[in-house]
Amino acid sequence: MRYFWKVWLWENGAKSTEFTEHLIIPVYTEPHLDETLGTGEIVLDSMTNNQAYPPKTKFRMERYLTSDFSDAPTIFDYVVDSDQVEEYSGCPGYCCHRI
């Protein structure tokens, strides 16, 4: 099944900045069926912000089944554990975030 994603930076209790255009597919999610927290990894490419997102920064990922985003999304709230920033050697103004 093919999913369609939207990614938002979550600040002050609301969606603030959308990073969907930078998201690299596939998105890795590992929800747990017991009482432990689920894990996952997203990659945001061609970003101009080369500062790592600090731990506990919140991202909201919305997963849709239709390409026009008309269905009800499945929502994943993730908190940054680590952000590995890789700067491009040919383009110092752009970087890749592996969160």
PDB file of N, CA and C in Angstrom:
ATOM      1  N   MET A   1       0.842  -1.177   0.000  1.00  0.00           N
ATOM      2  CA  MET A   1       0.000   0.000   0.000  1.00  0.00           C
ATOM      3  C   MET A   1       0.887   1.241   0.000  1.00  0.00           C
ATOM      4  N   ARG A   2       0.514   2.215  -0.775  1.00  0.00           N
ATOM      5  CA  ARG A   2       1.267   3.460  -0.850  1.00  0.00           C
ATOM      6  C   ARG A   2       0.634   4.499   0.072  1.00  0.00           C
ATOM      7  N   TYR A   3       1.487   5.139   0.872  1.00  0.00           N
ATOM      8  CA  TYR A   3       1.026   6.180   1.780  1.00  0.00           C
ATOM      9  C   TYR A   3       1.528   7.532   1.302  1.00  0.00           C
ATOM     10  N   PHE A   4       0.817   8.560   1.696  1.00  0.00           N
ATOM     11  CA  PHE A   4       1.191   9.938   1.400  1.00  0.00           C
ATOM     12  C   PHE A   4       1.341  10.657   2.735  1.00  0.00           C
ATOM     13  N   TRP A   5       2.443  11.385   2.895  1.00  0.00           N
ATOM     14  CA  TRP A   5       2.814  11.942   4.191  1.00  0.00           C
ATOM     15  C   TRP A   5       2.828  13.462   4.175  1.00  0.00           C
ATOM     16  N   LYS A   6       2.561  14.026   5.336  1.00  0.00           N
ATOM     17  CA  LYS A   6       2.802  15.439   5.618  1.00  0.00           C
ATOM     18  C   LYS A   6       3.576  15.489   6.936  1.00  0.00           C
ATOM     19  N   VAL A   7       4.547  16.393   7.016  1.00  0.00           N
ATOM     20  CA  VAL A   7       5.385  16.523   8.211  1.00  0.00           C
ATOM     21  C   VAL A   7       5.360  17.971   8.661  1.00  0.00           C
ATOM     22  N   TRP A   8       5.121  18.156   9.942  1.00  0.00           N
ATOM     23  CA  TRP A   8       5.040  19.491  10.535  1.00  0.00           C
ATOM     24  C   TRP A   8       5.960  19.578  11.741  1.00  0.00           C
ATOM     25  N   LEU A   9       6.624  20.711  11.885  1.00  0.00           N
ATOM     26  CA  LEU A   9       7.303  21.029  13.134  1.00  0.00           C
ATOM     27  C   LEU A   9       6.226  21.531  14.084  1.00  0.00           C
ATOM     28  N   TRP A  10       6.228  21.059  15.294  1.00  0.00           N
ATOM     29  CA  TRP A  10       5.190  21.382  16.273  1.00  0.00           C
ATOM     30  C   TRP A  10       5.790  22.331  17.299  1.00  0.00           C
ATOM     31  N   GLU A  11       5.264  23.550  17.377  1.00  0.00           N
ATOM     32  CA  GLU A  11       5.757  24.542  18.326  1.00  0.00           C
ATOM     33  C   GLU A  11       4.584  25.241  19.002  1.00  0.00           C
ATOM     34  N   ASN A  12       4.715  25.497  20.278  1.00  0.00           N
ATOM     35  CA  ASN A  12       3.704  26.211  21.062  1.00  0.00           C
ATOM     36  C   ASN A  12       2.329  25.556  20.971  1.00  0.00           C
ATOM     37  N   GLY A  13       2.308  24.227  20.915  1.00  0.00           N
ATOM     38  CA  GLY A  13       1.054  23.493  20.925  1.00  0.00           C
ATOM     39  C   GLY A  13       0.298  23.479  19.610  1.00  0.00           C
ATOM     40  N   ALA A  14       0.955  23.826  18.497  1.00  0.00           N
ATOM     41  CA  ALA A  14       0.281  23.846  17.202  1.00  0.00           C
ATOM     42  C   ALA A  14       1.287  23.580  16.088  1.00  0.00           C
ATOM     43  N   LYS A  15       0.757  23.213  14.910  1.00  0.00           N
ATOM     44  CA  LYS A  15       1.610  23.039  13.739  1.00  0.00           C
ATOM     45  C   LYS A  15       2.191  24.394  13.376  1.00  0.00           C
ATOM     46  N   SER A  16       3.501  24.441  13.111  1.00  0.00           N
ATOM     47  CA  SER A  16       4.073  25.743  12.786  1.00  0.00           C
ATOM     48  C   SER A  16       4.726  25.779  11.409  1.00  0.00           C
ATOM     49  N   THR A  17       5.549  24.801  11.069  1.00  0.00           N
ATOM     50  CA  THR A  17       6.257  24.815   9.797  1.00  0.00           C
ATOM     51  C   THR A  17       6.094  23.463   9.125  1.00  0.00           C
ATOM     52  N   GLU A  18       5.693  23.471   7.867  1.00  0.00           N
ATOM     53  CA  GLU A  18       5.531  22.214   7.138  1.00  0.00           C
ATOM     54  C   GLU A  18       6.828  21.874   6.409  1.00  0.00           C
ATOM     55  N   PHE A  19       7.279  20.616   6.556  1.00  0.00           N
ATOM     56  CA  PHE A  19       8.499  20.142   5.913  1.00  0.00           C
ATOM     57  C   PHE A  19       8.224  19.017   4.922  1.00  0.00           C
ATOM     58  N   THR A  20       7.008  18.918   4.426  1.00  0.00           N
ATOM     59  CA  THR A  20       6.626  17.831   3.535  1.00  0.00           C
ATOM     60  C   THR A  20       7.479  17.801   2.274  1.00  0.00           C
ATOM     61  N   GLU A  21       7.801  18.944   1.714  1.00  0.00           N
ATOM     62  CA  GLU A  21       8.573  18.979   0.470  1.00  0.00           C
ATOM     63  C   GLU A  21      10.005  18.482   0.656  1.00  0.00           C
ATOM     64  N   HIS A  22      10.490  18.420   1.889  1.00  0.00           N
ATOM     65  CA  HIS A  22      11.846  17.952   2.175  1.00  0.00           C
ATOM     66  C   HIS A  22      11.894  16.479   2.596  1.00  0.00           C
ATOM     67  N   LEU A  23      10.745  15.877   2.817  1.00  0.00           N
ATOM     68  CA  LEU A  23      10.689  14.508   3.337  1.00  0.00           C
ATOM     69  C   LEU A  23      11.121  13.493   2.291  1.00  0.00           C
ATOM     70  N   ILE A  24      11.981  12.579   2.688  1.00  0.00           N
ATOM     71  CA  ILE A  24      12.433  11.487   1.832  1.00  0.00           C
ATOM     72  C   ILE A  24      11.636  10.239   2.191  1.00  0.00           C
ATOM     73  N   ILE A  25      11.086   9.588   1.174  1.00  0.00           N
ATOM     74  CA  ILE A  25      10.307   8.371   1.343  1.00  0.00           C
ATOM     75  C   ILE A  25      11.239   7.191   1.114  1.00  0.00           C
ATOM     76  N   PRO A  26      11.224   6.122   1.847  1.00  0.00           N
ATOM     77  CA  PRO A  26      10.197   5.725   2.806  1.00  0.00           C
ATOM     78  C   PRO A  26      10.437   6.311   4.193  1.00  0.00           C
ATOM     79  N   VAL A  27       9.357   6.422   4.925  1.00  0.00           N
ATOM     80  CA  VAL A  27       9.390   6.854   6.315  1.00  0.00           C
ATOM     81  C   VAL A  27       9.423   5.602   7.179  1.00  0.00           C
ATOM     82  N   TYR A  28      10.308   5.580   8.143  1.00  0.00           N
ATOM     83  CA  TYR A  28      10.453   4.419   9.019  1.00  0.00           C
ATOM     84  C   TYR A  28       9.686   4.672  10.319  1.00  0.00           C
ATOM     85  N   THR A  29       8.696   3.859  10.599  1.00  0.00           N
ATOM     86  CA  THR A  29       7.966   3.930  11.872  1.00  0.00           C
ATOM     87  C   THR A  29       7.919   2.547  12.482  1.00  0.00           C
ATOM     88  N   GLU A  30       8.054   2.484  13.783  1.00  0.00           N
ATOM     89  CA  GLU A  30       7.982   1.217  14.507  1.00  0.00           C
ATOM     90  C   GLU A  30       7.122   1.406  15.759  1.00  0.00           C
ATOM     91  N   PRO A  31       5.800   1.377  15.583  1.00  0.00           N
ATOM     92  CA  PRO A  31       4.932   1.478  16.760  1.00  0.00           C
ATOM     93  C   PRO A  31       5.012   0.171  17.562  1.00  0.00           C
ATOM     94  N   HIS A  32       4.928   0.290  18.855  1.00  0.00           N
ATOM     95  CA  HIS A  32       4.997  -0.872  19.729  1.00  0.00           C
ATOM     96  C   HIS A  32       3.596  -1.207  20.227  1.00  0.00           C
ATOM     97  N   LEU A  33       3.323  -2.472  20.406  1.00  0.00           N
ATOM     98  CA  LEU A  33       2.011  -2.902  20.871  1.00  0.00           C
ATOM     99  C   LEU A  33       1.929  -3.007  22.390  1.00  0.00           C
ATOM    100  N   ASP A  34       3.056  -2.860  23.067  1.00  0.00           N
ATOM    101  CA  ASP A  34       3.035  -2.873  24.525  1.00  0.00           C
ATOM    102  C   ASP A  34       3.060  -1.423  25.026  1.00  0.00           C
ATOM    103  N   GLU A  35       3.433  -1.215  26.249  1.00  0.00           N
ATOM    104  CA  GLU A  35       3.365   0.124  26.842  1.00  0.00           C
ATOM    105  C   GLU A  35       4.617   0.967  26.606  1.00  0.00           C
ATOM    106  N   THR A  36       5.536   0.507  25.768  1.00  0.00           N
ATOM    107  CA  THR A  36       6.737   1.291  25.494  1.00  0.00           C
ATOM    108  C   THR A  36       6.485   2.248  24.330  1.00  0.00           C
ATOM    109  N   LEU A  37       7.318   3.263  24.247  1.00  0.00           N
ATOM    110  CA  LEU A  37       7.183   4.259  23.187  1.00  0.00           C
ATOM    111  C   LEU A  37       7.621   3.688  21.846  1.00  0.00           C
ATOM    112  N   GLY A  38       6.910   4.047  20.802  1.00  0.00           N
ATOM    113  CA  GLY A  38       7.302   3.654  19.460  1.00  0.00           C
ATOM    114  C   GLY A  38       8.487   4.486  18.990  1.00  0.00           C
ATOM    115  N   THR A  39       9.165   4.001  17.961  1.00  0.00           N
ATOM    116  CA  THR A  39      10.325   4.703  17.425  1.00  0.00           C
ATOM    117  C   THR A  39      10.138   4.908  15.928  1.00  0.00           C
ATOM    118  N   GLY A  40      11.003   5.702  15.353  1.00  0.00           N
ATOM    119  CA  GLY A  40      10.949   5.926  13.923  1.00  0.00           C
ATOM    120  C   GLY A  40      12.100   6.803  13.481  1.00  0.00           C
ATOM    121  N   GLU A  41      12.197   6.987  12.171  1.00  0.00           N
ATOM    122  CA  GLU A  41      13.239   7.831  11.613  1.00  0.00           C
ATOM    123  C   GLU A  41      12.692   8.514  10.367  1.00  0.00           C
ATOM    124  N   ILE A  42      12.976   9.814  10.261  1.00  0.00           N
ATOM    125  CA  ILE A  42      12.638  10.545   9.047  1.00  0.00           C
ATOM    126  C   ILE A  42      13.902  11.231   8.544  1.00  0.00           C
ATOM    127  N   VAL A  43      13.944  11.445   7.242  1.00  0.00           N
ATOM    128  CA  VAL A  43      15.060  12.146   6.615  1.00  0.00           C
ATOM    129  C   VAL A  43      14.493  13.357   5.892  1.00  0.00           C
ATOM    130  N   LEU A  44      15.003  14.527   6.237  1.00  0.00           N
ATOM    131  CA  LEU A  44      14.615  15.784   5.596  1.00  0.00           C
ATOM    132  C   LEU A  44      15.804  16.259   4.782  1.00  0.00           C
ATOM    133  N   ASP A  45      15.645  16.305   3.462  1.00  0.00           N
ATOM    134  CA  ASP A  45      16.750  16.603   2.556  1.00  0.00           C
ATOM    135  C   ASP A  45      16.604  18.003   1.970  1.00  0.00           C
ATOM    136  N   SER A  46      17.716  18.570   1.542  1.00  0.00           N
ATOM    137  CA  SER A  46      17.774  19.894   0.905  1.00  0.00           C
ATOM    138  C   SER A  46      17.229  20.987   1.812  1.00  0.00           C
ATOM    139  N   MET A  47      17.589  20.921   3.058  1.00  0.00           N
ATOM    140  CA  MET A  47      17.165  21.940   4.030  1.00  0.00           C
ATOM    141  C   MET A  47      18.219  23.041   4.090  1.00  0.00           C
ATOM    142  N   THR A  48      17.799  24.271   4.357  1.00  0.00           N
ATOM    143  CA  THR A  48      18.744  25.377   4.507  1.00  0.00           C
ATOM    144  C   THR A  48      19.111  25.608   5.964  1.00  0.00           C
ATOM    145  N   ASN A  49      18.388  24.993   6.883  1.00  0.00           N
ATOM    146  CA  ASN A  49      18.691  25.106   8.309  1.00  0.00           C
ATOM    147  C   ASN A  49      19.728  24.042   8.660  1.00  0.00           C
ATOM    148  N   ASN A  50      20.980  24.457   8.895  1.00  0.00           N
ATOM    149  CA  ASN A  50      22.022  23.476   9.199  1.00  0.00           C
ATOM    150  C   ASN A  50      22.246  23.282  10.693  1.00  0.00           C
ATOM    151  N   GLN A  51      21.358  23.818  11.507  1.00  0.00           N
ATOM    152  CA  GLN A  51      21.423  23.607  12.951  1.00  0.00           C
ATOM    153  C   GLN A  51      20.601  22.374  13.312  1.00  0.00           C
ATOM    154  N   ALA A  52      21.169  21.487  14.108  1.00  0.00           N
ATOM    155  CA  ALA A  52      20.450  20.279  14.531  1.00  0.00           C
ATOM    156  C   ALA A  52      19.277  20.661  15.424  1.00  0.00           C
ATOM    157  N   TYR A  53      18.175  19.943  15.261  1.00  0.00           N
ATOM    158  CA  TYR A  53      17.034  20.160  16.147  1.00  0.00           C
ATOM    159  C   TYR A  53      17.365  19.560  17.508  1.00  0.00           C
ATOM    160  N   PRO A  54      17.170  20.310  18.570  1.00  0.00           N
ATOM    161  CA  PRO A  54      17.546  19.809  19.894  1.00  0.00           C
ATOM    162  C   PRO A  54      16.633  18.666  20.339  1.00  0.00           C
ATOM    163  N   PRO A  55      17.109  17.843  21.261  1.00  0.00           N
ATOM    164  CA  PRO A  55      16.248  16.782  21.809  1.00  0.00           C
ATOM    165  C   PRO A  55      14.959  17.375  22.366  1.00  0.00           C
ATOM    166  N   LYS A  56      13.899  16.599  22.269  1.00  0.00           N
ATOM    167  CA  LYS A  56      12.557  16.939  22.726  1.00  0.00           C
ATOM    168  C   LYS A  56      11.822  17.905  21.802  1.00  0.00           C
ATOM    169  N   THR A  57      12.382  18.207  20.620  1.00  0.00           N
ATOM    170  CA  THR A  57      11.641  18.965  19.619  1.00  0.00           C
ATOM    171  C   THR A  57      10.580  18.040  19.048  1.00  0.00           C
ATOM    172  N   LYS A  58       9.370  18.535  18.887  1.00  0.00           N
ATOM    173  CA  LYS A  58       8.259  17.682  18.461  1.00  0.00           C
ATOM    174  C   LYS A  58       7.957  17.864  16.978  1.00  0.00           C
ATOM    175  N   PHE A  59       7.768  16.729  16.289  1.00  0.00           N
ATOM    176  CA  PHE A  59       7.313  16.704  14.910  1.00  0.00           C
ATOM    177  C   PHE A  59       6.018  15.914  14.839  1.00  0.00           C
ATOM    178  N   ARG A  60       5.107  16.349  13.984  1.00  0.00           N
ATOM    179  CA  ARG A  60       3.870  15.604  13.751  1.00  0.00           C
ATOM    180  C   ARG A  60       3.886  15.115  12.312  1.00  0.00           C
ATOM    181  N   MET A  61       3.678  13.814  12.152  1.00  0.00           N
ATOM    182  CA  MET A  61       3.593  13.215  10.826  1.00  0.00           C
ATOM    183  C   MET A  61       2.163  12.747  10.620  1.00  0.00           C
ATOM    184  N   GLU A  62       1.612  13.084   9.469  1.00  0.00           N
ATOM    185  CA  GLU A  62       0.259  12.671   9.114  1.00  0.00           C
ATOM    186  C   GLU A  62       0.350  11.740   7.915  1.00  0.00           C
ATOM    187  N   ARG A  63      -0.244  10.555   8.037  1.00  0.00           N
ATOM    188  CA  ARG A  63      -0.203   9.564   6.961  1.00  0.00           C
ATOM    189  C   ARG A  63      -1.583   9.460   6.319  1.00  0.00           C
ATOM    190  N   TYR A  64      -1.637   9.665   5.007  1.00  0.00           N
ATOM    191  CA  TYR A  64      -2.887   9.624   4.249  1.00  0.00           C
ATOM    192  C   TYR A  64      -2.868   8.450   3.278  1.00  0.00           C
ATOM    193  N   LEU A  65      -4.056   8.014   2.886  1.00  0.00           N
ATOM    194  CA  LEU A  65      -4.185   6.942   1.909  1.00  0.00           C
ATOM    195  C   LEU A  65      -4.429   7.468   0.510  1.00  0.00           C
ATOM    196  N   THR A  66      -4.835   8.734   0.389  1.00  0.00           N
ATOM    197  CA  THR A  66      -5.118   9.330  -0.922  1.00  0.00           C
ATOM    198  C   THR A  66      -4.125  10.448  -1.222  1.00  0.00           C
ATOM    199  N   SER A  67      -3.798  10.615  -2.495  1.00  0.00           N
ATOM    200  CA  SER A  67      -2.798  11.611  -2.876  1.00  0.00           C
ATOM    201  C   SER A  67      -3.286  13.052  -2.746  1.00  0.00           C
ATOM    202  N   ASP A  68      -4.603  13.248  -2.668  1.00  0.00           N
ATOM    203  CA  ASP A  68      -5.125  14.611  -2.500  1.00  0.00           C
ATOM    204  C   ASP A  68      -5.374  14.959  -1.024  1.00  0.00           C
ATOM    205  N   PHE A  69      -4.950  14.069  -0.121  1.00  0.00           N
ATOM    206  CA  PHE A  69      -5.046  14.292   1.335  1.00  0.00           C
ATOM    207  C   PHE A  69      -6.478  14.542   1.793  1.00  0.00           C
ATOM    208  N   SER A  70      -7.441  13.865   1.177  1.00  0.00           N
ATOM    209  CA  SER A  70      -8.842  14.095   1.505  1.00  0.00           C
ATOM    210  C   SER A  70      -9.375  13.147   2.586  1.00  0.00           C
ATOM    211  N   ASP A  71      -8.671  12.079   2.893  1.00  0.00           N
ATOM    212  CA  ASP A  71      -9.139  11.144   3.909  1.00  0.00           C
ATOM    213  C   ASP A  71      -8.638  11.570   5.291  1.00  0.00           C
ATOM    214  N   ALA A  72      -9.142  10.898   6.307  1.00  0.00           N
ATOM    215  CA  ALA A  72      -8.711  11.193   7.675  1.00  0.00           C
ATOM    216  C   ALA A  72      -7.309  10.611   7.892  1.00  0.00           C
ATOM    217  N   PRO A  73      -6.367  11.429   8.365  1.00  0.00           N
ATOM    218  CA  PRO A  73      -4.995  10.928   8.502  1.00  0.00           C
ATOM    219  C   PRO A  73      -4.790  10.090   9.758  1.00  0.00           C
ATOM    220  N   THR A  74      -3.788   9.229   9.694  1.00  0.00           N
ATOM    221  CA  THR A  74      -3.255   8.579  10.884  1.00  0.00           C
ATOM    222  C   THR A  74      -2.128   9.482  11.367  1.00  0.00           C
ATOM    223  N   ILE A  75      -2.156   9.851  12.638  1.00  0.00           N
ATOM    224  CA  ILE A  75      -1.224  10.850  13.156  1.00  0.00           C
ATOM    225  C   ILE A  75      -0.159  10.176  14.005  1.00  0.00           C
ATOM    226  N   PHE A  76       1.090  10.554  13.750  1.00  0.00           N
ATOM    227  CA  PHE A  76       2.228  10.098  14.533  1.00  0.00           C
ATOM    228  C   PHE A  76       2.897  11.329  15.121  1.00  0.00           C
ATOM    229  N   ASP A  77       2.979  11.408  16.437  1.00  0.00           N
ATOM    230  CA  ASP A  77       3.702  12.488  17.106  1.00  0.00           C
ATOM    231  C   ASP A  77       5.050  11.941  17.540  1.00  0.00           C
ATOM    232  N   TYR A  78       6.115  12.576  17.071  1.00  0.00           N
ATOM    233  CA  TYR A  78       7.457  12.129  17.394  1.00  0.00           C
ATOM    234  C   TYR A  78       8.223  13.233  18.093  1.00  0.00           C
ATOM    235  N   VAL A  79       9.086  12.830  19.014  1.00  0.00           N
ATOM    236  CA  VAL A  79       9.960  13.738  19.738  1.00  0.00           C
ATOM    237  C   VAL A  79      11.385  13.389  19.345  1.00  0.00           C
ATOM    238  N   VAL A  80      12.176  14.407  19.008  1.00  0.00           N
ATOM    239  CA  VAL A  80      13.547  14.185  18.548  1.00  0.00           C
ATOM    240  C   VAL A  80      14.383  13.614  19.677  1.00  0.00           C
ATOM    241  N   ASP A  81      15.031  12.491  19.384  1.00  0.00           N
ATOM    242  CA  ASP A  81      16.031  11.924  20.286  1.00  0.00           C
ATOM    243  C   ASP A  81      17.405  12.405  19.845  1.00  0.00           C
ATOM    244  N   SER A  82      17.672  12.320  18.538  1.00  0.00           N
ATOM    245  CA  SER A  82      18.923  12.833  17.985  1.00  0.00           C
ATOM    246  C   SER A  82      18.673  13.288  16.556  1.00  0.00           C
ATOM    247  N   ASP A  83      19.439  14.261  16.131  1.00  0.00           N
ATOM    248  CA  ASP A  83      19.359  14.790  14.777  1.00  0.00           C
ATOM    249  C   ASP A  83      20.773  14.837  14.225  1.00  0.00           C
ATOM    250  N   GLN A  84      21.030  14.010  13.218  1.00  0.00           N
ATOM    251  CA  GLN A  84      22.340  13.985  12.580  1.00  0.00           C
ATOM    252  C   GLN A  84      22.263  14.848  11.324  1.00  0.00           C
ATOM    253  N   VAL A  85      23.010  15.937  11.317  1.00  0.00           N
ATOM    254  CA  VAL A  85      22.995  16.874  10.195  1.00  0.00           C
ATOM    255  C   VAL A  85      24.213  16.602   9.320  1.00  0.00           C
ATOM    256  N   GLU A  86      23.963  16.399   8.022  1.00  0.00           N
ATOM    257  CA  GLU A  86      25.028  16.171   7.052  1.00  0.00           C
ATOM    258  C   GLU A  86      25.014  17.317   6.047  1.00  0.00           C
ATOM    259  N   GLU A  87      26.091  18.091   5.993  1.00  0.00           N
ATOM    260  CA  GLU A  87      26.177  19.192   5.036  1.00  0.00           C
ATOM    261  C   GLU A  87      26.750  18.670   3.723  1.00  0.00           C
ATOM    262  N   TYR A  88      26.249  19.190   2.615  1.00  0.00           N
ATOM    263  CA  TYR A  88      26.741  18.804   1.294  1.00  0.00           C
ATOM    264  C   TYR A  88      28.058  19.516   1.025  1.00  0.00           C
ATOM    265  N   SER A  89      29.039  18.796   0.516  1.00  0.00           N
ATOM    266  CA  SER A  89      30.343  19.411   0.261  1.00  0.00           C
ATOM    267  C   SER A  89      30.294  20.385  -0.917  1.00  0.00           C
ATOM    268  N   GLY A  90      29.453  20.128  -1.912  1.00  0.00           N
ATOM    269  CA  GLY A  90      29.360  21.010  -3.071  1.00  0.00           C
ATOM    270  C   GLY A  90      28.456  22.205  -2.854  1.00  0.00           C
ATOM    271  N   CYS A  91      27.509  22.098  -1.904  1.00  0.00           N
ATOM    272  CA  CYS A  91      26.553  23.183  -1.622  1.00  0.00           C
ATOM    273  C   CYS A  91      26.517  23.410  -0.112  1.00  0.00           C
ATOM    274  N   PRO A  92      27.374  24.276   0.389  1.00  0.00           N
ATOM    275  CA  PRO A  92      27.425  24.457   1.842  1.00  0.00           C
ATOM    276  C   PRO A  92      26.161  25.048   2.455  1.00  0.00           C
ATOM    277  N   GLY A  93      25.275  25.614   1.648  1.00  0.00           N
ATOM    278  CA  GLY A  93      24.046  26.196   2.180  1.00  0.00           C
ATOM    279  C   GLY A  93      22.940  25.178   2.410  1.00  0.00           C
ATOM    280  N   TYR A  94      23.121  23.946   1.915  1.00  0.00           N
ATOM    281  CA  TYR A  94      22.096  22.914   2.042  1.00  0.00           C
ATOM    282  C   TYR A  94      22.598  21.755   2.885  1.00  0.00           C
ATOM    283  N   CYS A  95      21.662  21.080   3.562  1.00  0.00           N
ATOM    284  CA  CYS A  95      22.035  19.952   4.397  1.00  0.00           C
ATOM    285  C   CYS A  95      20.903  18.931   4.452  1.00  0.00           C
ATOM    286  N   CYS A  96      21.190  17.814   5.089  1.00  0.00           N
ATOM    287  CA  CYS A  96      20.247  16.726   5.249  1.00  0.00           C
ATOM    288  C   CYS A  96      20.121  16.439   6.745  1.00  0.00           C
ATOM    289  N   HIS A  97      18.894  16.345   7.245  1.00  0.00           N
ATOM    290  CA  HIS A  97      18.645  16.012   8.652  1.00  0.00           C
ATOM    291  C   HIS A  97      18.153  14.571   8.735  1.00  0.00           C
ATOM    292  N   ARG A  98      18.804  13.766   9.542  1.00  0.00           N
ATOM    293  CA  ARG A  98      18.377  12.393   9.816  1.00  0.00           C
ATOM    294  C   ARG A  98      17.913  12.376  11.271  1.00  0.00           C
ATOM    295  N   ILE A  99      16.584  12.387  11.431  1.00  0.00           N
ATOM    296  CA  ILE A  99      15.988  12.540  12.773  1.00  0.00           C
ATOM    297  C   ILE A  99      15.409  11.204  13.214  1.00  0.00           C
TER     298      ILE A  99
END
